[in-house]
Amino acid sequence: MIPLFVSLVQRIVYGKINLLLGDFIADLTKRDKNILEKHLQMEGGHLLNFTHRTLGDFFEDFDIDIYNEAYVRGLSSGAKANKMRGFWTISDNETVGRVLLGLIGIYDEDRGEGVKQTV
């Protein structure tokens, strides 16, 4: 893994940015979001190798309906990356932390395979 991403993951896990400790919206800084966007491959509206169906399935494991309009309100489209940005904006720290840790697991699985595959 790239060092900045590892550092961010460690900060998440150890609560240094309060992702797992707070009650309100996620405390991700702009820099944190830029690091996450890069490593979650969010350019062009994508999010890792998720399809719209598999993204919904992933969030369902956390009892989240990522297709709820609240996650794209005020954003230019319903792209997968925009859904994630909306999720970061309105969700509490604990929920964002749990989801990011799940995404990191998928990121690691994809990198371990050495080949991009649809999740």
N, C-alpha and C. Protein backbone atom coordinates (compact mmCIF):
# COMPACT_ATOMS: atom_id res chain seq x y z
N MET A 1 0.83 -1.18 0.00
CA MET A 1 0.00 0.00 0.00
C MET A 1 0.87 1.25 0.00
N ILE A 2 0.35 2.30 -0.53
CA ILE A 2 1.06 3.56 -0.59
C ILE A 2 1.09 4.18 0.80
N PRO A 3 2.24 4.76 1.23
CA PRO A 3 2.40 5.24 2.60
C PRO A 3 1.33 6.21 3.11
N LEU A 4 0.88 7.18 2.31
CA LEU A 4 -0.15 8.11 2.79
C LEU A 4 -1.44 7.38 3.11
N PHE A 5 -1.78 6.39 2.30
CA PHE A 5 -3.00 5.62 2.52
C PHE A 5 -2.87 4.81 3.81
N VAL A 6 -1.71 4.19 4.00
CA VAL A 6 -1.46 3.43 5.23
C VAL A 6 -1.57 4.35 6.44
N SER A 7 -1.00 5.52 6.35
CA SER A 7 -1.06 6.48 7.45
C SER A 7 -2.50 6.86 7.77
N LEU A 8 -3.30 7.11 6.73
CA LEU A 8 -4.70 7.46 6.95
C LEU A 8 -5.45 6.31 7.59
N VAL A 9 -5.21 5.11 7.13
CA VAL A 9 -5.86 3.93 7.70
C VAL A 9 -5.50 3.79 9.18
N GLN A 10 -4.24 3.99 9.50
CA GLN A 10 -3.81 3.90 10.90
C GLN A 10 -4.50 4.97 11.73
N ARG A 11 -4.64 6.17 11.20
CA ARG A 11 -5.31 7.24 11.93
C ARG A 11 -6.77 6.91 12.14
N ILE A 12 -7.40 6.27 11.16
CA ILE A 12 -8.79 5.86 11.30
C ILE A 12 -8.90 4.81 12.41
N VAL A 13 -8.09 3.77 12.31
CA VAL A 13 -8.17 2.66 13.24
C VAL A 13 -7.89 3.11 14.67
N TYR A 14 -6.93 3.99 14.86
CA TYR A 14 -6.58 4.43 16.20
C TYR A 14 -7.36 5.65 16.67
N GLY A 15 -8.34 6.08 15.85
CA GLY A 15 -9.24 7.15 16.27
C GLY A 15 -8.62 8.53 16.30
N LYS A 16 -7.48 8.71 15.65
CA LYS A 16 -6.81 10.00 15.72
C LYS A 16 -7.55 11.07 14.92
N ILE A 17 -8.47 10.68 14.06
CA ILE A 17 -9.30 11.69 13.39
C ILE A 17 -10.76 11.48 13.78
N ASN A 18 -10.97 10.78 14.87
CA ASN A 18 -12.28 10.63 15.49
C ASN A 18 -13.31 9.91 14.63
N LEU A 19 -12.91 9.14 13.65
CA LEU A 19 -13.88 8.46 12.81
C LEU A 19 -14.69 7.44 13.60
N LEU A 20 -14.07 6.81 14.56
CA LEU A 20 -14.78 5.77 15.29
C LEU A 20 -15.27 6.26 16.66
N LEU A 21 -15.07 7.52 16.97
CA LEU A 21 -15.38 8.01 18.30
C LEU A 21 -16.52 9.02 18.36
N GLY A 22 -16.79 9.73 17.29
CA GLY A 22 -17.73 10.84 17.35
C GLY A 22 -19.16 10.44 17.14
N ASP A 23 -20.04 11.43 17.31
CA ASP A 23 -21.48 11.22 17.18
C ASP A 23 -22.07 11.91 15.96
N PHE A 24 -21.35 12.85 15.37
CA PHE A 24 -21.93 13.69 14.35
C PHE A 24 -21.34 13.36 12.98
N ILE A 25 -21.29 14.33 12.10
CA ILE A 25 -20.78 14.05 10.76
C ILE A 25 -19.29 13.71 10.82
N ALA A 26 -18.84 13.01 9.82
CA ALA A 26 -17.46 12.55 9.79
C ALA A 26 -16.49 13.72 9.78
N ASP A 27 -15.40 13.55 10.49
CA ASP A 27 -14.39 14.59 10.63
C ASP A 27 -13.26 14.44 9.62
N LEU A 28 -13.59 14.05 8.41
CA LEU A 28 -12.57 13.91 7.38
C LEU A 28 -12.14 15.28 6.89
N THR A 29 -10.85 15.50 6.84
CA THR A 29 -10.34 16.76 6.30
C THR A 29 -10.32 16.66 4.77
N LYS A 30 -10.11 17.78 4.12
CA LYS A 30 -10.01 17.78 2.66
C LYS A 30 -8.86 16.88 2.22
N ARG A 31 -7.75 16.93 2.95
CA ARG A 31 -6.60 16.08 2.61
C ARG A 31 -6.97 14.59 2.77
N ASP A 32 -7.67 14.26 3.86
CA ASP A 32 -8.12 12.88 4.07
C ASP A 32 -8.97 12.42 2.89
N LYS A 33 -9.91 13.27 2.49
CA LYS A 33 -10.80 12.91 1.38
C LYS A 33 -10.02 12.74 0.09
N ASN A 34 -9.02 13.60 -0.15
CA ASN A 34 -8.20 13.47 -1.37
C ASN A 34 -7.44 12.14 -1.37
N ILE A 35 -6.89 11.77 -0.23
CA ILE A 35 -6.17 10.49 -0.13
C ILE A 35 -7.14 9.33 -0.38
N LEU A 36 -8.29 9.37 0.27
CA LEU A 36 -9.27 8.30 0.08
C LEU A 36 -9.74 8.24 -1.37
N GLU A 37 -10.03 9.38 -1.96
CA GLU A 37 -10.50 9.39 -3.35
C GLU A 37 -9.47 8.78 -4.28
N LYS A 38 -8.21 9.09 -4.05
CA LYS A 38 -7.16 8.54 -4.90
C LYS A 38 -7.11 7.00 -4.77
N HIS A 39 -7.09 6.52 -3.55
CA HIS A 39 -6.90 5.09 -3.33
C HIS A 39 -8.17 4.27 -3.52
N LEU A 40 -9.31 4.92 -3.44
CA LEU A 40 -10.57 4.23 -3.74
C LEU A 40 -10.95 4.40 -5.20
N GLN A 41 -10.02 4.98 -5.98
CA GLN A 41 -10.14 5.09 -7.44
C GLN A 41 -11.45 5.75 -7.84
N MET A 42 -11.71 6.93 -7.26
CA MET A 42 -12.99 7.60 -7.45
C MET A 42 -13.02 8.56 -8.65
N GLU A 43 -11.94 8.63 -9.40
CA GLU A 43 -11.93 9.50 -10.56
C GLU A 43 -12.97 9.01 -11.58
N GLY A 44 -13.54 9.93 -12.29
CA GLY A 44 -14.52 9.57 -13.33
C GLY A 44 -15.83 9.03 -12.78
N GLY A 45 -16.09 9.23 -11.49
CA GLY A 45 -17.35 8.78 -10.91
C GLY A 45 -17.34 7.35 -10.40
N HIS A 46 -16.21 6.67 -10.50
CA HIS A 46 -16.12 5.27 -10.09
C HIS A 46 -15.78 5.15 -8.61
N LEU A 47 -15.85 3.93 -8.11
CA LEU A 47 -15.45 3.62 -6.74
C LEU A 47 -14.93 2.19 -6.75
N LEU A 48 -13.60 2.08 -6.62
CA LEU A 48 -12.94 0.78 -6.80
C LEU A 48 -13.51 0.11 -8.04
N ASN A 49 -13.86 -1.16 -7.94
CA ASN A 49 -14.39 -1.87 -9.10
C ASN A 49 -15.86 -2.22 -8.93
N PHE A 50 -16.55 -1.44 -8.11
CA PHE A 50 -17.95 -1.70 -7.87
C PHE A 50 -18.80 -1.40 -9.10
N THR A 51 -19.83 -2.21 -9.28
CA THR A 51 -20.92 -1.85 -10.18
C THR A 51 -21.97 -1.19 -9.30
N HIS A 52 -23.00 -0.62 -9.90
CA HIS A 52 -24.06 -0.03 -9.07
C HIS A 52 -24.70 -1.09 -8.17
N ARG A 53 -24.90 -2.28 -8.70
CA ARG A 53 -25.51 -3.36 -7.91
C ARG A 53 -24.62 -3.79 -6.76
N THR A 54 -23.32 -4.01 -7.04
CA THR A 54 -22.45 -4.49 -5.97
C THR A 54 -22.17 -3.41 -4.93
N LEU A 55 -22.21 -2.14 -5.32
CA LEU A 55 -22.07 -1.07 -4.33
C LEU A 55 -23.26 -1.10 -3.38
N GLY A 56 -24.45 -1.26 -3.92
CA GLY A 56 -25.64 -1.38 -3.07
C GLY A 56 -25.54 -2.57 -2.14
N ASP A 57 -25.05 -3.70 -2.66
CA ASP A 57 -24.87 -4.90 -1.84
C ASP A 57 -23.88 -4.66 -0.71
N PHE A 58 -22.77 -4.00 -1.03
CA PHE A 58 -21.74 -3.70 -0.03
C PHE A 58 -22.34 -2.86 1.11
N PHE A 59 -23.02 -1.78 0.76
CA PHE A 59 -23.58 -0.90 1.79
C PHE A 59 -24.71 -1.58 2.55
N GLU A 60 -25.40 -2.51 1.91
CA GLU A 60 -26.46 -3.25 2.59
C GLU A 60 -25.91 -4.01 3.80
N ASP A 61 -24.67 -4.48 3.69
CA ASP A 61 -24.03 -5.17 4.81
C ASP A 61 -23.89 -4.28 6.05
N PHE A 62 -23.98 -2.96 5.84
CA PHE A 62 -23.89 -1.99 6.94
C PHE A 62 -25.26 -1.38 7.25
N ASP A 63 -26.31 -1.99 6.71
CA ASP A 63 -27.69 -1.49 6.87
C ASP A 63 -27.85 -0.06 6.35
N ILE A 64 -27.22 0.21 5.20
CA ILE A 64 -27.27 1.53 4.58
C ILE A 64 -27.83 1.38 3.17
N ASP A 65 -28.82 2.21 2.84
CA ASP A 65 -29.35 2.27 1.48
C ASP A 65 -28.63 3.40 0.76
N ILE A 66 -27.51 3.09 0.11
CA ILE A 66 -26.69 4.11 -0.53
C ILE A 66 -27.42 4.77 -1.70
N TYR A 67 -28.54 4.19 -2.13
CA TYR A 67 -29.31 4.78 -3.22
C TYR A 67 -30.38 5.73 -2.71
N ASN A 68 -30.40 5.99 -1.41
CA ASN A 68 -31.28 6.99 -0.85
C ASN A 68 -30.85 8.34 -1.42
N GLU A 69 -31.81 9.15 -1.83
CA GLU A 69 -31.52 10.43 -2.47
C GLU A 69 -30.69 11.36 -1.59
N ALA A 70 -30.73 11.18 -0.29
CA ALA A 70 -29.98 12.05 0.62
C ALA A 70 -28.48 12.02 0.33
N TYR A 71 -27.98 10.91 -0.20
CA TYR A 71 -26.54 10.79 -0.44
C TYR A 71 -26.08 11.52 -1.68
N VAL A 72 -27.00 11.95 -2.54
CA VAL A 72 -26.58 12.69 -3.74
C VAL A 72 -27.20 14.08 -3.80
N ARG A 73 -27.94 14.46 -2.78
CA ARG A 73 -28.56 15.78 -2.75
C ARG A 73 -27.49 16.85 -2.88
N GLY A 74 -27.68 17.73 -3.85
CA GLY A 74 -26.74 18.83 -4.06
C GLY A 74 -25.52 18.46 -4.88
N LEU A 75 -25.40 17.22 -5.29
CA LEU A 75 -24.27 16.80 -6.11
C LEU A 75 -24.71 16.71 -7.57
N SER A 76 -23.76 16.73 -8.47
CA SER A 76 -24.09 16.83 -9.90
C SER A 76 -24.67 15.55 -10.50
N SER A 77 -24.43 14.40 -9.88
CA SER A 77 -24.94 13.15 -10.44
C SER A 77 -25.04 12.09 -9.36
N GLY A 78 -25.62 10.96 -9.73
CA GLY A 78 -25.74 9.83 -8.83
C GLY A 78 -24.61 8.83 -9.02
N ALA A 79 -23.47 9.30 -9.52
CA ALA A 79 -22.32 8.42 -9.73
C ALA A 79 -21.89 7.78 -8.41
N LYS A 80 -21.26 6.64 -8.50
CA LYS A 80 -20.82 5.91 -7.31
C LYS A 80 -19.89 6.78 -6.44
N ALA A 81 -18.98 7.50 -7.07
CA ALA A 81 -18.07 8.37 -6.30
C ALA A 81 -18.85 9.47 -5.59
N ASN A 82 -19.84 10.03 -6.25
CA ASN A 82 -20.66 11.07 -5.61
C ASN A 82 -21.47 10.51 -4.45
N LYS A 83 -21.94 9.29 -4.57
CA LYS A 83 -22.65 8.66 -3.46
C LYS A 83 -21.73 8.56 -2.24
N MET A 84 -20.47 8.18 -2.48
CA MET A 84 -19.50 8.08 -1.39
C MET A 84 -19.25 9.47 -0.78
N ARG A 85 -19.09 10.47 -1.63
CA ARG A 85 -18.87 11.83 -1.11
C ARG A 85 -20.06 12.30 -0.28
N GLY A 86 -21.26 12.01 -0.76
CA GLY A 86 -22.46 12.37 -0.01
C GLY A 86 -22.54 11.61 1.30
N PHE A 87 -22.17 10.35 1.27
CA PHE A 87 -22.14 9.52 2.48
C PHE A 87 -21.20 10.14 3.51
N TRP A 88 -20.00 10.56 3.08
CA TRP A 88 -19.05 11.18 4.00
C TRP A 88 -19.62 12.45 4.60
N THR A 89 -20.40 13.18 3.81
CA THR A 89 -20.91 14.47 4.24
C THR A 89 -21.99 14.36 5.30
N ILE A 90 -22.87 13.36 5.20
CA ILE A 90 -24.02 13.32 6.11
C ILE A 90 -23.98 12.22 7.16
N SER A 91 -23.02 11.34 7.07
CA SER A 91 -22.99 10.20 8.00
C SER A 91 -22.13 10.50 9.22
N ASP A 92 -22.41 9.77 10.30
CA ASP A 92 -21.65 9.95 11.53
C ASP A 92 -20.30 9.25 11.45
N ASN A 93 -19.41 9.65 12.33
CA ASN A 93 -18.04 9.14 12.34
C ASN A 93 -17.95 7.63 12.43
N GLU A 94 -18.71 7.05 13.33
CA GLU A 94 -18.64 5.60 13.52
C GLU A 94 -19.02 4.85 12.25
N THR A 95 -20.09 5.28 11.60
CA THR A 95 -20.54 4.62 10.38
C THR A 95 -19.53 4.79 9.26
N VAL A 96 -19.02 6.00 9.09
CA VAL A 96 -18.01 6.23 8.05
C VAL A 96 -16.78 5.37 8.32
N GLY A 97 -16.36 5.29 9.57
CA GLY A 97 -15.20 4.48 9.91
C GLY A 97 -15.40 3.01 9.58
N ARG A 98 -16.58 2.46 9.93
CA ARG A 98 -16.86 1.04 9.64
C ARG A 98 -16.85 0.79 8.13
N VAL A 99 -17.49 1.68 7.37
CA VAL A 99 -17.55 1.50 5.92
C VAL A 99 -16.16 1.62 5.30
N LEU A 100 -15.38 2.61 5.74
CA LEU A 100 -14.03 2.76 5.19
C LEU A 100 -13.17 1.54 5.48
N LEU A 101 -13.30 0.99 6.67
CA LEU A 101 -12.53 -0.22 6.97
C LEU A 101 -12.95 -1.37 6.06
N GLY A 102 -14.25 -1.47 5.76
CA GLY A 102 -14.72 -2.48 4.81
C GLY A 102 -14.17 -2.25 3.42
N LEU A 103 -14.13 -1.00 2.98
CA LEU A 103 -13.59 -0.66 1.66
C LEU A 103 -12.09 -0.93 1.59
N ILE A 104 -11.40 -0.68 2.70
CA ILE A 104 -9.97 -0.96 2.73
C ILE A 104 -9.72 -2.46 2.56
N GLY A 105 -10.58 -3.28 3.17
CA GLY A 105 -10.46 -4.73 2.97
C GLY A 105 -10.63 -5.12 1.51
N ILE A 106 -11.60 -4.50 0.84
CA ILE A 106 -11.81 -4.78 -0.57
C ILE A 106 -10.63 -4.27 -1.40
N TYR A 107 -10.13 -3.09 -1.06
CA TYR A 107 -8.95 -2.53 -1.73
C TYR A 107 -7.78 -3.51 -1.63
N ASP A 108 -7.54 -4.01 -0.42
CA ASP A 108 -6.44 -4.96 -0.22
C ASP A 108 -6.65 -6.25 -1.00
N GLU A 109 -7.89 -6.75 -1.03
CA GLU A 109 -8.19 -7.96 -1.79
C GLU A 109 -7.90 -7.75 -3.27
N ASP A 110 -8.35 -6.62 -3.82
CA ASP A 110 -8.12 -6.32 -5.23
C ASP A 110 -6.63 -6.22 -5.53
N ARG A 111 -5.88 -5.54 -4.67
CA ARG A 111 -4.43 -5.39 -4.90
C ARG A 111 -3.72 -6.73 -4.78
N GLY A 112 -4.19 -7.59 -3.87
CA GLY A 112 -3.58 -8.89 -3.70
C GLY A 112 -3.77 -9.78 -4.91
N GLU A 113 -4.90 -9.59 -5.60
CA GLU A 113 -5.17 -10.36 -6.81
C GLU A 113 -4.27 -9.91 -7.95
N GLY A 114 -3.87 -8.64 -7.94
CA GLY A 114 -2.99 -8.13 -9.00
C GLY A 114 -3.74 -7.82 -10.28
N VAL A 115 -5.04 -8.07 -10.31
CA VAL A 115 -5.84 -7.83 -11.50
C VAL A 115 -7.12 -7.12 -11.07
N LYS A 116 -7.52 -6.11 -11.85
CA LYS A 116 -8.78 -5.45 -11.54
C LYS A 116 -9.93 -6.40 -11.87
N GLN A 117 -10.77 -6.58 -10.90
CA GLN A 117 -11.94 -7.43 -11.09
C GLN A 117 -13.16 -6.67 -10.61
N THR A 118 -14.33 -7.02 -11.14
CA THR A 118 -15.56 -6.41 -10.66
C THR A 118 -15.90 -7.03 -9.32
N VAL A 119 -16.15 -6.18 -8.33
CA VAL A 119 -16.48 -6.65 -6.97
C VAL A 119 -17.87 -7.23 -6.98
